[in-house]
Amino acid sequence: MKKILAFVLVLAMVLAFAGCSSSKAMSHADFVAAEMDSQVTVETYVQATQSWWDNKITVYAQSEDGAYFLYEMACPEADASKLVPGTKIRVTGTKGEWAGEVEIMDATFEILKGSFIAEPVDVTALLGTDELIAHQNEKVIFKGLTVSKVEYKNGEPGDDIYVSFTYGDGTYDFCVERYLTGPETEVYAAVGELQPGDVVDVEGFLYWYEGVNTHITAVTKA
């Protein structure tokens, strides 16, 4: 009898430990409310990735209720090709912030069943307002922006492209991130050909760097 009771107690402890070690996935609202530098766990869907390197990959991810920037998530090279748009993943890491960009750092992931591709949300009317940041990291579109300036990082093609747009009374700095859409992509070439005064629609991920700094994924002349 004592052996049975001892076994039951050990089993209960094992199950309790297993329950404690498995973090429940947060909603996006819970993630937003979480303290900086706290551990977070979310279930979300890959929308795009930057180039894999050194067993790390940076991911633009989005669920039906919000988006996430997964900075240099741990990823063996063999798994990088599995993170195609739509892939569902469970991510655990640390909530952090850099220059206004809220992200998940030091993350690990596992692939789950399920798929979701986000449609870009038109946030043009929110430019210059406090409400825009509520869409941080989402796939968005801005319509009717006027090109103010186009310049290459380091002064020549091959690296990031910095683009300034005007809309209403404001000027906004966006970016073609070479590790997301490099020199071989259509969007890199299209942005490089823009001229001041061109009016365009711009699609991308609503990255933040001391203010809105959208990472451009498509541009169309209006």
N, C-alpha and C. Protein backbone atom coordinates (compact mmCIF):
# COMPACT_ATOMS: atom_id res chain seq x y z
N MET A 1 0.83 -1.21 0.00
CA MET A 1 0.00 0.00 0.00
C MET A 1 0.86 1.26 0.00
N LYS A 2 1.93 1.22 0.84
CA LYS A 2 2.82 2.38 0.91
C LYS A 2 3.51 2.61 -0.43
N LYS A 3 3.88 1.48 -1.12
CA LYS A 3 4.53 1.62 -2.42
C LYS A 3 3.58 2.25 -3.44
N ILE A 4 2.31 1.86 -3.38
CA ILE A 4 1.32 2.43 -4.31
C ILE A 4 1.15 3.92 -4.06
N LEU A 5 1.04 4.29 -2.76
CA LEU A 5 0.90 5.71 -2.41
C LEU A 5 2.11 6.51 -2.86
N ALA A 6 3.29 5.93 -2.66
CA ALA A 6 4.52 6.61 -3.07
C ALA A 6 4.55 6.83 -4.57
N PHE A 7 4.12 5.79 -5.33
CA PHE A 7 4.09 5.90 -6.78
C PHE A 7 3.12 6.98 -7.24
N VAL A 8 1.94 7.02 -6.57
CA VAL A 8 0.94 8.02 -6.92
C VAL A 8 1.47 9.42 -6.65
N LEU A 9 2.16 9.60 -5.55
CA LEU A 9 2.72 10.92 -5.22
C LEU A 9 3.78 11.34 -6.23
N VAL A 10 4.64 10.41 -6.61
CA VAL A 10 5.68 10.72 -7.60
C VAL A 10 5.05 11.08 -8.93
N LEU A 11 4.02 10.30 -9.34
CA LEU A 11 3.34 10.58 -10.61
C LEU A 11 2.69 11.96 -10.59
N ALA A 12 2.06 12.29 -9.46
CA ALA A 12 1.42 13.61 -9.34
C ALA A 12 2.44 14.73 -9.47
N MET A 13 3.62 14.53 -8.86
CA MET A 13 4.67 15.55 -8.93
C MET A 13 5.18 15.72 -10.36
N VAL A 14 5.32 14.59 -11.06
CA VAL A 14 5.79 14.65 -12.45
C VAL A 14 4.80 15.39 -13.32
N LEU A 15 3.50 15.07 -13.15
CA LEU A 15 2.49 15.75 -13.94
C LEU A 15 2.42 17.22 -13.62
N ALA A 16 2.56 17.57 -12.34
CA ALA A 16 2.55 18.98 -11.95
C ALA A 16 3.72 19.72 -12.55
N PHE A 17 4.90 19.08 -12.54
CA PHE A 17 6.08 19.72 -13.12
C PHE A 17 5.91 19.93 -14.62
N ALA A 18 5.35 18.91 -15.27
CA ALA A 18 5.12 19.02 -16.73
C ALA A 18 4.18 20.15 -17.04
N GLY A 19 3.14 20.32 -16.21
CA GLY A 19 2.20 21.41 -16.42
C GLY A 19 2.83 22.76 -16.24
N CYS A 20 3.74 22.88 -15.27
CA CYS A 20 4.39 24.16 -15.01
C CYS A 20 5.38 24.51 -16.10
N SER A 21 6.00 23.49 -16.71
CA SER A 21 7.05 23.76 -17.69
C SER A 21 6.48 24.09 -19.07
N SER A 22 5.19 23.86 -19.27
CA SER A 22 4.56 24.14 -20.56
C SER A 22 3.79 25.44 -20.47
N SER A 23 4.35 26.51 -21.02
CA SER A 23 3.73 27.82 -20.93
C SER A 23 2.51 27.91 -21.85
N LYS A 24 1.48 28.53 -21.34
CA LYS A 24 0.28 28.74 -22.13
C LYS A 24 0.51 29.87 -23.12
N ALA A 25 0.06 29.69 -24.35
CA ALA A 25 0.23 30.73 -25.36
C ALA A 25 -0.63 31.94 -25.03
N MET A 26 -0.05 33.13 -25.21
CA MET A 26 -0.73 34.39 -24.94
C MET A 26 -1.56 34.83 -26.14
N SER A 27 -2.57 35.63 -25.88
CA SER A 27 -3.20 36.39 -26.95
C SER A 27 -2.30 37.58 -27.27
N HIS A 28 -2.56 38.26 -28.39
CA HIS A 28 -1.74 39.43 -28.70
C HIS A 28 -1.95 40.52 -27.66
N ALA A 29 -3.17 40.66 -27.15
CA ALA A 29 -3.44 41.66 -26.11
C ALA A 29 -2.63 41.36 -24.86
N ASP A 30 -2.50 40.07 -24.50
CA ASP A 30 -1.69 39.69 -23.35
C ASP A 30 -0.22 40.03 -23.59
N PHE A 31 0.24 39.81 -24.83
CA PHE A 31 1.63 40.13 -25.17
C PHE A 31 1.88 41.63 -25.02
N VAL A 32 0.97 42.44 -25.53
CA VAL A 32 1.12 43.89 -25.43
C VAL A 32 1.17 44.33 -23.97
N ALA A 33 0.37 43.68 -23.12
CA ALA A 33 0.30 44.05 -21.71
C ALA A 33 1.48 43.52 -20.90
N ALA A 34 2.20 42.53 -21.41
CA ALA A 34 3.31 41.93 -20.67
C ALA A 34 4.43 42.94 -20.41
N GLU A 35 5.12 42.77 -19.29
CA GLU A 35 6.24 43.63 -18.94
C GLU A 35 7.41 43.39 -19.89
N MET A 36 8.18 44.44 -20.13
CA MET A 36 9.42 44.28 -20.89
C MET A 36 10.36 43.35 -20.12
N ASP A 37 11.14 42.59 -20.86
CA ASP A 37 12.12 41.63 -20.31
C ASP A 37 11.46 40.42 -19.65
N SER A 38 10.15 40.25 -19.83
CA SER A 38 9.49 39.06 -19.30
C SER A 38 9.44 37.98 -20.37
N GLN A 39 9.31 36.72 -19.92
CA GLN A 39 9.18 35.62 -20.87
C GLN A 39 7.78 35.61 -21.46
N VAL A 40 7.71 35.40 -22.76
CA VAL A 40 6.42 35.36 -23.46
C VAL A 40 6.36 34.13 -24.34
N THR A 41 5.14 33.62 -24.53
CA THR A 41 4.90 32.51 -25.45
C THR A 41 3.69 32.86 -26.30
N VAL A 42 3.86 32.78 -27.61
CA VAL A 42 2.76 33.08 -28.53
C VAL A 42 2.69 32.01 -29.60
N GLU A 43 1.50 31.85 -30.15
CA GLU A 43 1.32 31.03 -31.34
C GLU A 43 0.93 31.96 -32.48
N THR A 44 1.69 31.89 -33.56
CA THR A 44 1.53 32.86 -34.64
C THR A 44 1.92 32.21 -35.96
N TYR A 45 1.92 33.00 -37.02
CA TYR A 45 2.15 32.46 -38.36
C TYR A 45 3.22 33.28 -39.09
N VAL A 46 4.15 32.60 -39.70
CA VAL A 46 5.20 33.24 -40.48
C VAL A 46 4.58 33.98 -41.67
N GLN A 47 4.99 35.23 -41.85
CA GLN A 47 4.58 36.00 -43.04
C GLN A 47 5.76 36.23 -43.98
N ALA A 48 6.95 36.35 -43.41
CA ALA A 48 8.17 36.53 -44.20
C ALA A 48 9.36 36.34 -43.27
N THR A 49 10.53 36.11 -43.84
CA THR A 49 11.75 35.99 -43.05
C THR A 49 12.87 36.78 -43.69
N GLN A 50 13.79 37.21 -42.86
CA GLN A 50 15.05 37.74 -43.37
C GLN A 50 16.00 36.57 -43.61
N SER A 51 17.15 36.84 -44.16
CA SER A 51 18.10 35.79 -44.50
C SER A 51 18.56 35.04 -43.24
N TRP A 52 18.64 33.72 -43.35
CA TRP A 52 19.18 32.91 -42.26
C TRP A 52 20.69 33.11 -42.17
N TRP A 53 21.20 33.14 -40.92
CA TRP A 53 22.66 33.15 -40.74
C TRP A 53 22.99 32.74 -39.31
N ASP A 54 24.10 32.04 -39.15
CA ASP A 54 24.64 31.71 -37.82
C ASP A 54 23.59 31.07 -36.92
N ASN A 55 22.81 30.15 -37.49
CA ASN A 55 21.77 29.45 -36.73
C ASN A 55 20.72 30.38 -36.14
N LYS A 56 20.45 31.48 -36.84
CA LYS A 56 19.43 32.44 -36.41
C LYS A 56 18.63 32.90 -37.63
N ILE A 57 17.38 33.27 -37.38
CA ILE A 57 16.55 33.81 -38.46
C ILE A 57 15.58 34.83 -37.87
N THR A 58 15.41 35.94 -38.55
CA THR A 58 14.49 36.99 -38.11
C THR A 58 13.19 36.84 -38.89
N VAL A 59 12.09 36.85 -38.15
CA VAL A 59 10.79 36.50 -38.74
C VAL A 59 9.77 37.63 -38.53
N TYR A 60 9.02 37.92 -39.59
CA TYR A 60 7.84 38.77 -39.50
C TYR A 60 6.66 37.82 -39.36
N ALA A 61 5.95 37.88 -38.25
CA ALA A 61 4.89 36.92 -37.96
C ALA A 61 3.60 37.66 -37.62
N GLN A 62 2.48 37.02 -37.93
CA GLN A 62 1.19 37.66 -37.65
C GLN A 62 0.12 36.61 -37.43
N SER A 63 -0.77 36.91 -36.48
CA SER A 63 -1.95 36.10 -36.21
C SER A 63 -3.17 36.94 -36.55
N GLU A 64 -4.35 36.37 -36.36
CA GLU A 64 -5.57 37.11 -36.65
C GLU A 64 -5.72 38.32 -35.73
N ASP A 65 -5.09 38.29 -34.55
CA ASP A 65 -5.28 39.37 -33.57
C ASP A 65 -4.09 40.31 -33.42
N GLY A 66 -3.03 40.12 -34.20
CA GLY A 66 -1.89 41.04 -34.09
C GLY A 66 -0.62 40.42 -34.63
N ALA A 67 0.46 41.21 -34.64
CA ALA A 67 1.70 40.79 -35.29
C ALA A 67 2.89 40.86 -34.33
N TYR A 68 3.97 40.17 -34.74
CA TYR A 68 5.17 40.06 -33.91
C TYR A 68 6.42 40.15 -34.79
N PHE A 69 7.49 40.70 -34.23
CA PHE A 69 8.79 40.71 -34.89
C PHE A 69 9.69 39.81 -34.05
N LEU A 70 10.12 38.70 -34.64
CA LEU A 70 10.92 37.71 -33.92
C LEU A 70 12.37 37.91 -34.33
N TYR A 71 13.14 38.57 -33.47
CA TYR A 71 14.49 39.00 -33.83
C TYR A 71 15.51 37.90 -33.56
N GLU A 72 16.18 37.47 -34.62
CA GLU A 72 17.25 36.47 -34.54
C GLU A 72 16.83 35.26 -33.71
N MET A 73 15.72 34.67 -34.10
CA MET A 73 15.22 33.47 -33.44
C MET A 73 16.14 32.29 -33.73
N ALA A 74 16.41 31.48 -32.70
CA ALA A 74 17.27 30.31 -32.89
C ALA A 74 16.66 29.38 -33.93
N CYS A 75 17.48 28.97 -34.92
CA CYS A 75 16.95 28.16 -36.01
C CYS A 75 18.09 27.43 -36.72
N PRO A 76 18.13 26.09 -36.61
CA PRO A 76 19.12 25.35 -37.40
C PRO A 76 18.90 25.59 -38.89
N GLU A 77 19.96 25.52 -39.65
CA GLU A 77 19.85 25.79 -41.09
C GLU A 77 18.84 24.87 -41.76
N ALA A 78 18.75 23.62 -41.30
CA ALA A 78 17.83 22.67 -41.91
C ALA A 78 16.38 23.06 -41.71
N ASP A 79 16.10 23.85 -40.67
CA ASP A 79 14.72 24.25 -40.39
C ASP A 79 14.33 25.57 -41.05
N ALA A 80 15.30 26.33 -41.51
CA ALA A 80 15.02 27.65 -42.08
C ALA A 80 14.08 27.55 -43.28
N SER A 81 14.27 26.53 -44.10
CA SER A 81 13.44 26.38 -45.30
C SER A 81 12.01 25.98 -44.98
N LYS A 82 11.76 25.56 -43.74
CA LYS A 82 10.40 25.17 -43.33
C LYS A 82 9.55 26.39 -42.95
N LEU A 83 10.20 27.51 -42.70
CA LEU A 83 9.48 28.69 -42.24
C LEU A 83 8.98 29.52 -43.42
N VAL A 84 8.13 28.91 -44.20
CA VAL A 84 7.56 29.59 -45.37
C VAL A 84 6.32 30.37 -44.94
N PRO A 85 5.92 31.37 -45.72
CA PRO A 85 4.72 32.14 -45.35
C PRO A 85 3.52 31.24 -45.10
N GLY A 86 2.84 31.51 -44.00
CA GLY A 86 1.67 30.74 -43.61
C GLY A 86 1.93 29.72 -42.53
N THR A 87 3.19 29.33 -42.31
CA THR A 87 3.53 28.31 -41.33
C THR A 87 3.18 28.75 -39.91
N LYS A 88 2.49 27.88 -39.19
CA LYS A 88 2.15 28.18 -37.80
C LYS A 88 3.28 27.75 -36.88
N ILE A 89 3.66 28.62 -35.95
CA ILE A 89 4.73 28.30 -35.02
C ILE A 89 4.36 28.72 -33.60
N ARG A 90 4.90 28.01 -32.65
CA ARG A 90 4.78 28.37 -31.24
C ARG A 90 6.14 28.92 -30.82
N VAL A 91 6.16 30.12 -30.31
CA VAL A 91 7.41 30.84 -30.04
C VAL A 91 7.49 31.20 -28.56
N THR A 92 8.64 30.93 -27.95
CA THR A 92 8.90 31.34 -26.57
C THR A 92 10.19 32.15 -26.55
N GLY A 93 10.15 33.31 -25.93
CA GLY A 93 11.32 34.17 -25.86
C GLY A 93 11.12 35.27 -24.86
N THR A 94 11.86 36.35 -25.02
CA THR A 94 11.81 37.49 -24.10
C THR A 94 11.29 38.71 -24.83
N LYS A 95 10.30 39.38 -24.24
CA LYS A 95 9.78 40.61 -24.83
C LYS A 95 10.81 41.72 -24.64
N GLY A 96 11.15 42.38 -25.73
CA GLY A 96 12.14 43.45 -25.67
C GLY A 96 11.74 44.63 -26.53
N GLU A 97 12.55 45.67 -26.48
CA GLU A 97 12.26 46.89 -27.26
C GLU A 97 13.57 47.54 -27.65
N TRP A 98 13.62 48.02 -28.90
CA TRP A 98 14.81 48.73 -29.37
C TRP A 98 14.36 49.87 -30.27
N ALA A 99 14.65 51.09 -29.82
CA ALA A 99 14.33 52.30 -30.58
C ALA A 99 12.85 52.39 -30.94
N GLY A 100 12.00 51.83 -30.08
CA GLY A 100 10.57 51.88 -30.31
C GLY A 100 9.97 50.60 -30.88
N GLU A 101 10.82 49.74 -31.44
CA GLU A 101 10.36 48.48 -32.00
C GLU A 101 10.23 47.42 -30.90
N VAL A 102 9.01 46.94 -30.69
CA VAL A 102 8.77 45.88 -29.70
C VAL A 102 8.92 44.54 -30.41
N GLU A 103 9.73 43.65 -29.83
CA GLU A 103 10.06 42.40 -30.50
C GLU A 103 10.17 41.26 -29.50
N ILE A 104 10.29 40.05 -30.00
CA ILE A 104 10.58 38.89 -29.17
C ILE A 104 12.02 38.48 -29.47
N MET A 105 12.84 38.46 -28.43
CA MET A 105 14.27 38.18 -28.58
C MET A 105 14.61 36.83 -27.94
N ASP A 106 15.79 36.30 -28.31
CA ASP A 106 16.29 35.05 -27.73
C ASP A 106 15.23 33.96 -27.81
N ALA A 107 14.55 33.88 -28.92
CA ALA A 107 13.39 32.98 -29.04
C ALA A 107 13.77 31.60 -29.58
N THR A 108 12.94 30.65 -29.22
CA THR A 108 12.96 29.31 -29.81
C THR A 108 11.56 29.04 -30.36
N PHE A 109 11.44 28.03 -31.22
CA PHE A 109 10.13 27.79 -31.84
C PHE A 109 9.92 26.31 -32.08
N GLU A 110 8.66 25.96 -32.27
CA GLU A 110 8.29 24.66 -32.79
C GLU A 110 7.19 24.87 -33.82
N ILE A 111 7.17 24.03 -34.84
CA ILE A 111 6.18 24.15 -35.90
C ILE A 111 4.91 23.39 -35.51
N LEU A 112 3.77 24.05 -35.73
CA LEU A 112 2.47 23.47 -35.42
C LEU A 112 1.66 23.28 -36.70
N LYS A 113 0.55 22.58 -36.58
CA LYS A 113 -0.36 22.44 -37.71
C LYS A 113 -1.20 23.71 -37.84
N GLY A 114 -1.46 24.12 -39.08
CA GLY A 114 -2.26 25.31 -39.31
C GLY A 114 -1.57 26.25 -40.28
N SER A 115 -2.35 27.14 -40.87
CA SER A 115 -1.81 28.08 -41.84
C SER A 115 -2.65 29.35 -41.86
N PHE A 116 -1.97 30.48 -42.05
CA PHE A 116 -2.67 31.77 -42.13
C PHE A 116 -1.77 32.77 -42.84
N ILE A 117 -2.33 33.44 -43.84
CA ILE A 117 -1.63 34.53 -44.53
C ILE A 117 -2.45 35.80 -44.31
N ALA A 118 -1.82 36.82 -43.76
CA ALA A 118 -2.52 38.07 -43.47
C ALA A 118 -2.66 38.91 -44.73
N GLU A 119 -3.79 39.58 -44.86
CA GLU A 119 -3.99 40.55 -45.91
C GLU A 119 -3.53 41.92 -45.40
N PRO A 120 -2.91 42.73 -46.25
CA PRO A 120 -2.47 44.05 -45.79
C PRO A 120 -3.64 44.94 -45.41
N VAL A 121 -3.48 45.65 -44.31
CA VAL A 121 -4.51 46.57 -43.82
C VAL A 121 -4.15 48.00 -44.25
N ASP A 122 -5.11 48.72 -44.80
CA ASP A 122 -4.89 50.10 -45.22
C ASP A 122 -4.86 51.00 -43.97
N VAL A 123 -3.68 51.53 -43.66
CA VAL A 123 -3.52 52.39 -42.48
C VAL A 123 -3.11 53.81 -42.88
N THR A 124 -3.35 54.16 -44.12
CA THR A 124 -2.95 55.48 -44.61
C THR A 124 -3.48 56.60 -43.72
N ALA A 125 -4.73 56.50 -43.34
CA ALA A 125 -5.37 57.57 -42.56
C ALA A 125 -4.77 57.72 -41.17
N LEU A 126 -3.99 56.71 -40.73
CA LEU A 126 -3.41 56.76 -39.39
C LEU A 126 -2.02 57.38 -39.35
N LEU A 127 -1.44 57.68 -40.53
CA LEU A 127 -0.13 58.32 -40.55
C LEU A 127 -0.17 59.63 -39.76
N GLY A 128 0.80 59.79 -38.89
CA GLY A 128 0.87 61.01 -38.09
C GLY A 128 0.01 60.99 -36.85
N THR A 129 -0.64 59.83 -36.56
CA THR A 129 -1.49 59.73 -35.38
C THR A 129 -0.90 58.73 -34.38
N ASP A 130 -1.36 58.84 -33.13
CA ASP A 130 -0.91 57.91 -32.10
C ASP A 130 -1.48 56.51 -32.29
N GLU A 131 -2.53 56.39 -33.09
CA GLU A 131 -3.19 55.10 -33.28
C GLU A 131 -2.38 54.15 -34.18
N LEU A 132 -1.46 54.70 -34.98
CA LEU A 132 -0.75 53.86 -35.95
C LEU A 132 0.06 52.76 -35.26
N ILE A 133 0.66 53.05 -34.12
CA ILE A 133 1.54 52.08 -33.48
C ILE A 133 0.79 50.83 -33.02
N ALA A 134 -0.52 50.92 -32.91
CA ALA A 134 -1.31 49.74 -32.53
C ALA A 134 -1.22 48.65 -33.60
N HIS A 135 -0.77 49.01 -34.81
CA HIS A 135 -0.63 48.05 -35.90
C HIS A 135 0.83 47.64 -36.11
N GLN A 136 1.68 47.92 -35.13
CA GLN A 136 3.11 47.63 -35.27
C GLN A 136 3.34 46.19 -35.70
N ASN A 137 4.22 46.03 -36.68
CA ASN A 137 4.65 44.74 -37.24
C ASN A 137 3.62 44.07 -38.14
N GLU A 138 2.44 44.63 -38.29
CA GLU A 138 1.44 44.05 -39.19
C GLU A 138 1.80 44.30 -40.65
N LYS A 139 1.22 43.49 -41.52
CA LYS A 139 1.32 43.72 -42.96
C LYS A 139 0.33 44.82 -43.31
N VAL A 140 0.83 45.93 -43.84
CA VAL A 140 0.00 47.11 -44.06
C VAL A 140 0.20 47.67 -45.46
N ILE A 141 -0.68 48.60 -45.83
CA ILE A 141 -0.54 49.32 -47.09
C ILE A 141 -0.84 50.79 -46.86
N PHE A 142 -0.05 51.62 -47.50
CA PHE A 142 -0.26 53.07 -47.50
C PHE A 142 -0.53 53.50 -48.94
N LYS A 143 -1.54 54.32 -49.13
CA LYS A 143 -1.93 54.71 -50.49
C LYS A 143 -1.73 56.20 -50.71
N GLY A 144 -1.22 56.53 -51.91
CA GLY A 144 -1.10 57.92 -52.29
C GLY A 144 0.02 58.69 -51.60
N LEU A 145 1.15 58.01 -51.34
CA LEU A 145 2.31 58.69 -50.76
C LEU A 145 3.14 59.32 -51.88
N THR A 146 3.73 60.46 -51.59
CA THR A 146 4.58 61.14 -52.57
C THR A 146 6.05 60.95 -52.20
N VAL A 147 6.83 60.49 -53.15
CA VAL A 147 8.26 60.27 -52.91
C VAL A 147 8.97 61.60 -52.70
N SER A 148 9.70 61.70 -51.61
CA SER A 148 10.47 62.90 -51.31
C SER A 148 11.96 62.70 -51.59
N LYS A 149 12.47 61.53 -51.18
CA LYS A 149 13.91 61.26 -51.34
C LYS A 149 14.15 59.77 -51.36
N VAL A 150 15.09 59.34 -52.20
CA VAL A 150 15.53 57.95 -52.27
C VAL A 150 17.04 57.93 -52.20
N GLU A 151 17.59 57.17 -51.25
CA GLU A 151 19.04 57.08 -51.15
C GLU A 151 19.46 55.69 -50.69
N TYR A 152 20.60 55.23 -51.20
CA TYR A 152 21.13 53.93 -50.82
C TYR A 152 22.04 54.08 -49.61
N LYS A 153 21.93 53.12 -48.68
CA LYS A 153 22.90 53.07 -47.59
C LYS A 153 24.28 52.88 -48.20
N ASN A 154 25.25 53.59 -47.74
CA ASN A 154 26.63 53.57 -48.27
C ASN A 154 26.72 54.15 -49.67
N GLY A 155 25.62 54.77 -50.15
CA GLY A 155 25.70 55.56 -51.37
C GLY A 155 25.56 54.84 -52.68
N GLU A 156 25.42 53.50 -52.67
CA GLU A 156 25.30 52.78 -53.93
C GLU A 156 24.46 51.53 -53.73
N PRO A 157 23.89 51.00 -54.83
CA PRO A 157 23.04 49.81 -54.73
C PRO A 157 23.78 48.63 -54.09
N GLY A 158 23.01 47.78 -53.43
CA GLY A 158 23.59 46.60 -52.80
C GLY A 158 23.21 46.46 -51.34
N ASP A 159 22.95 47.61 -50.70
CA ASP A 159 22.56 47.59 -49.29
C ASP A 159 21.14 48.11 -49.16
N ASP A 160 20.74 48.47 -47.94
CA ASP A 160 19.39 48.99 -47.71
C ASP A 160 19.14 50.24 -48.56
N ILE A 161 17.85 50.48 -48.85
CA ILE A 161 17.44 51.72 -49.52
C ILE A 161 16.56 52.49 -48.55
N TYR A 162 16.88 53.76 -48.33
CA TYR A 162 16.08 54.61 -47.46
C TYR A 162 15.20 55.51 -48.33
N VAL A 163 13.91 55.49 -48.03
CA VAL A 163 12.96 56.26 -48.84
C VAL A 163 12.15 57.16 -47.92
N SER A 164 12.07 58.43 -48.27
CA SER A 164 11.22 59.38 -47.53
C SER A 164 9.99 59.68 -48.37
N PHE A 165 8.83 59.62 -47.70
CA PHE A 165 7.56 59.91 -48.36
C PHE A 165 6.88 61.07 -47.62
N THR A 166 6.11 61.85 -48.37
CA THR A 166 5.27 62.86 -47.73
C THR A 166 3.81 62.45 -47.90
N TYR A 167 3.03 62.80 -46.87
CA TYR A 167 1.60 62.59 -46.92
C TYR A 167 0.97 63.64 -46.03
N GLY A 168 0.11 64.45 -46.59
CA GLY A 168 -0.42 65.57 -45.83
C GLY A 168 0.71 66.51 -45.45
N ASP A 169 0.78 66.85 -44.19
CA ASP A 169 1.83 67.75 -43.71
C ASP A 169 3.05 67.01 -43.17
N GLY A 170 3.06 65.67 -43.24
CA GLY A 170 4.14 64.90 -42.62
C GLY A 170 5.08 64.26 -43.62
N THR A 171 6.29 63.95 -43.14
CA THR A 171 7.29 63.21 -43.90
C THR A 171 7.64 61.95 -43.11
N TYR A 172 7.72 60.82 -43.82
CA TYR A 172 7.89 59.54 -43.14
C TYR A 172 9.00 58.74 -43.82
N ASP A 173 9.86 58.15 -43.03
CA ASP A 173 11.01 57.41 -43.54
C ASP A 173 10.73 55.91 -43.53
N PHE A 174 10.78 55.29 -44.71
CA PHE A 174 10.60 53.85 -44.86
C PHE A 174 11.92 53.24 -45.30
N CYS A 175 11.94 51.92 -45.43
CA CYS A 175 13.21 51.25 -45.75
C CYS A 175 12.97 50.01 -46.59
N VAL A 176 13.84 49.78 -47.57
CA VAL A 176 13.93 48.48 -48.23
C VAL A 176 15.06 47.75 -47.50
N GLU A 177 14.69 46.75 -46.73
CA GLU A 177 15.65 45.98 -45.92
C GLU A 177 16.27 44.88 -46.78
N ARG A 178 17.57 44.98 -47.02
CA ARG A 178 18.21 44.08 -47.98
C ARG A 178 18.13 42.62 -47.56
N TYR A 179 18.05 42.34 -46.25
CA TYR A 179 17.97 40.95 -45.81
C TYR A 179 16.57 40.38 -45.94
N LEU A 180 15.60 41.26 -46.23
CA LEU A 180 14.22 40.83 -46.50
C LEU A 180 13.95 40.82 -48.00
N THR A 181 14.21 41.94 -48.65
CA THR A 181 14.02 42.09 -50.09
C THR A 181 15.30 42.66 -50.67
N GLY A 182 16.20 41.78 -51.04
CA GLY A 182 17.54 42.17 -51.48
C GLY A 182 17.61 42.67 -52.91
N PRO A 183 18.83 42.98 -53.37
CA PRO A 183 19.02 43.56 -54.70
C PRO A 183 18.49 42.72 -55.84
N GLU A 184 18.28 41.42 -55.60
CA GLU A 184 17.79 40.54 -56.67
C GLU A 184 16.27 40.58 -56.81
N THR A 185 15.58 41.28 -55.92
CA THR A 185 14.11 41.26 -55.94
C THR A 185 13.54 42.41 -56.78
N GLU A 186 12.29 42.21 -57.22
CA GLU A 186 11.62 43.22 -58.03
C GLU A 186 11.40 44.51 -57.25
N VAL A 187 11.05 44.39 -55.97
CA VAL A 187 10.76 45.58 -55.20
C VAL A 187 12.02 46.43 -55.00
N TYR A 188 13.17 45.80 -54.85
CA TYR A 188 14.43 46.54 -54.70
C TYR A 188 14.68 47.37 -55.96
N ALA A 189 14.51 46.75 -57.11
CA ALA A 189 14.72 47.46 -58.38
C ALA A 189 13.69 48.57 -58.56
N ALA A 190 12.44 48.28 -58.23
CA ALA A 190 11.37 49.27 -58.43
C ALA A 190 11.58 50.49 -57.55
N VAL A 191 11.96 50.27 -56.29
CA VAL A 191 12.18 51.41 -55.39
C VAL A 191 13.40 52.21 -55.83
N GLY A 192 14.42 51.52 -56.32
CA GLY A 192 15.62 52.22 -56.78
C GLY A 192 15.35 53.14 -57.96
N GLU A 193 14.27 52.88 -58.70
CA GLU A 193 13.94 53.69 -59.87
C GLU A 193 12.99 54.85 -59.54
N LEU A 194 12.49 54.92 -58.32
CA LEU A 194 11.57 56.00 -57.96
C LEU A 194 12.25 57.36 -58.02
N GLN A 195 11.45 58.36 -58.36
CA GLN A 195 11.95 59.73 -58.44
C GLN A 195 11.12 60.63 -57.52
N PRO A 196 11.75 61.67 -56.97
CA PRO A 196 10.97 62.63 -56.16
C PRO A 196 9.76 63.14 -56.94
N GLY A 197 8.62 63.15 -56.29
CA GLY A 197 7.39 63.58 -56.93
C GLY A 197 6.49 62.44 -57.36
N ASP A 198 7.06 61.21 -57.49
CA ASP A 198 6.23 60.06 -57.83
C ASP A 198 5.21 59.81 -56.71
N VAL A 199 4.00 59.47 -57.11
CA VAL A 199 2.95 59.13 -56.14
C VAL A 199 2.74 57.63 -56.19
N VAL A 200 2.83 56.97 -55.03
CA VAL A 200 2.84 55.51 -55.01
C VAL A 200 1.98 54.96 -53.87
N ASP A 201 1.60 53.70 -54.04
CA ASP A 201 1.04 52.90 -52.95
C ASP A 201 2.17 51.99 -52.46
N VAL A 202 2.30 51.87 -51.15
CA VAL A 202 3.41 51.14 -50.56
C VAL A 202 2.88 50.07 -49.61
N GLU A 203 3.34 48.84 -49.81
CA GLU A 203 2.97 47.73 -48.92
C GLU A 203 4.21 47.28 -48.16
N GLY A 204 4.02 46.83 -46.93
CA GLY A 204 5.16 46.35 -46.16
C GLY A 204 4.78 45.98 -44.75
N PHE A 205 5.80 45.71 -43.94
CA PHE A 205 5.61 45.38 -42.54
C PHE A 205 5.89 46.62 -41.70
N LEU A 206 4.97 46.92 -40.78
CA LEU A 206 5.03 48.18 -40.03
C LEU A 206 6.06 48.11 -38.91
N TYR A 207 7.32 48.10 -39.33
CA TYR A 207 8.45 48.15 -38.40
C TYR A 207 8.53 49.55 -37.80
N TRP A 208 9.21 49.64 -36.66
CA TRP A 208 9.30 50.92 -35.94
C TRP A 208 10.76 51.20 -35.61
N TYR A 209 11.24 52.38 -35.96
CA TYR A 209 12.58 52.81 -35.56
C TYR A 209 12.51 54.30 -35.26
N GLU A 210 12.35 54.61 -33.98
CA GLU A 210 12.16 56.00 -33.57
C GLU A 210 11.03 56.65 -34.37
N GLY A 211 9.98 55.87 -34.58
CA GLY A 211 8.85 56.28 -35.40
C GLY A 211 8.62 55.26 -36.49
N VAL A 212 7.58 55.44 -37.25
CA VAL A 212 7.24 54.47 -38.30
C VAL A 212 8.39 54.35 -39.29
N ASN A 213 8.77 53.10 -39.60
CA ASN A 213 9.89 52.83 -40.51
C ASN A 213 9.58 51.54 -41.28
N THR A 214 8.48 51.56 -41.99
CA THR A 214 7.96 50.38 -42.69
C THR A 214 9.03 49.70 -43.55
N HIS A 215 9.13 48.39 -43.43
CA HIS A 215 9.99 47.60 -44.30
C HIS A 215 9.18 47.25 -45.55
N ILE A 216 9.55 47.85 -46.66
CA ILE A 216 8.76 47.80 -47.90
C ILE A 216 8.86 46.43 -48.55
N THR A 217 7.71 45.90 -48.98
CA THR A 217 7.69 44.64 -49.73
C THR A 217 7.09 44.79 -51.13
N ALA A 218 6.42 45.92 -51.39
CA ALA A 218 5.86 46.17 -52.72
C ALA A 218 5.61 47.65 -52.88
N VAL A 219 5.76 48.13 -54.09
CA VAL A 219 5.47 49.54 -54.38
C VAL A 219 4.84 49.62 -55.77
N THR A 220 3.78 50.41 -55.87
CA THR A 220 3.04 50.55 -57.12
C THR A 220 2.76 52.03 -57.37
N LYS A 221 3.06 52.49 -58.57
CA LYS A 221 2.75 53.87 -58.87
C LYS A 221 1.24 54.06 -58.95
N ALA A 222 0.75 55.07 -58.25
CA ALA A 222 -0.70 55.32 -58.18
C ALA A 222 -1.21 55.92 -59.47
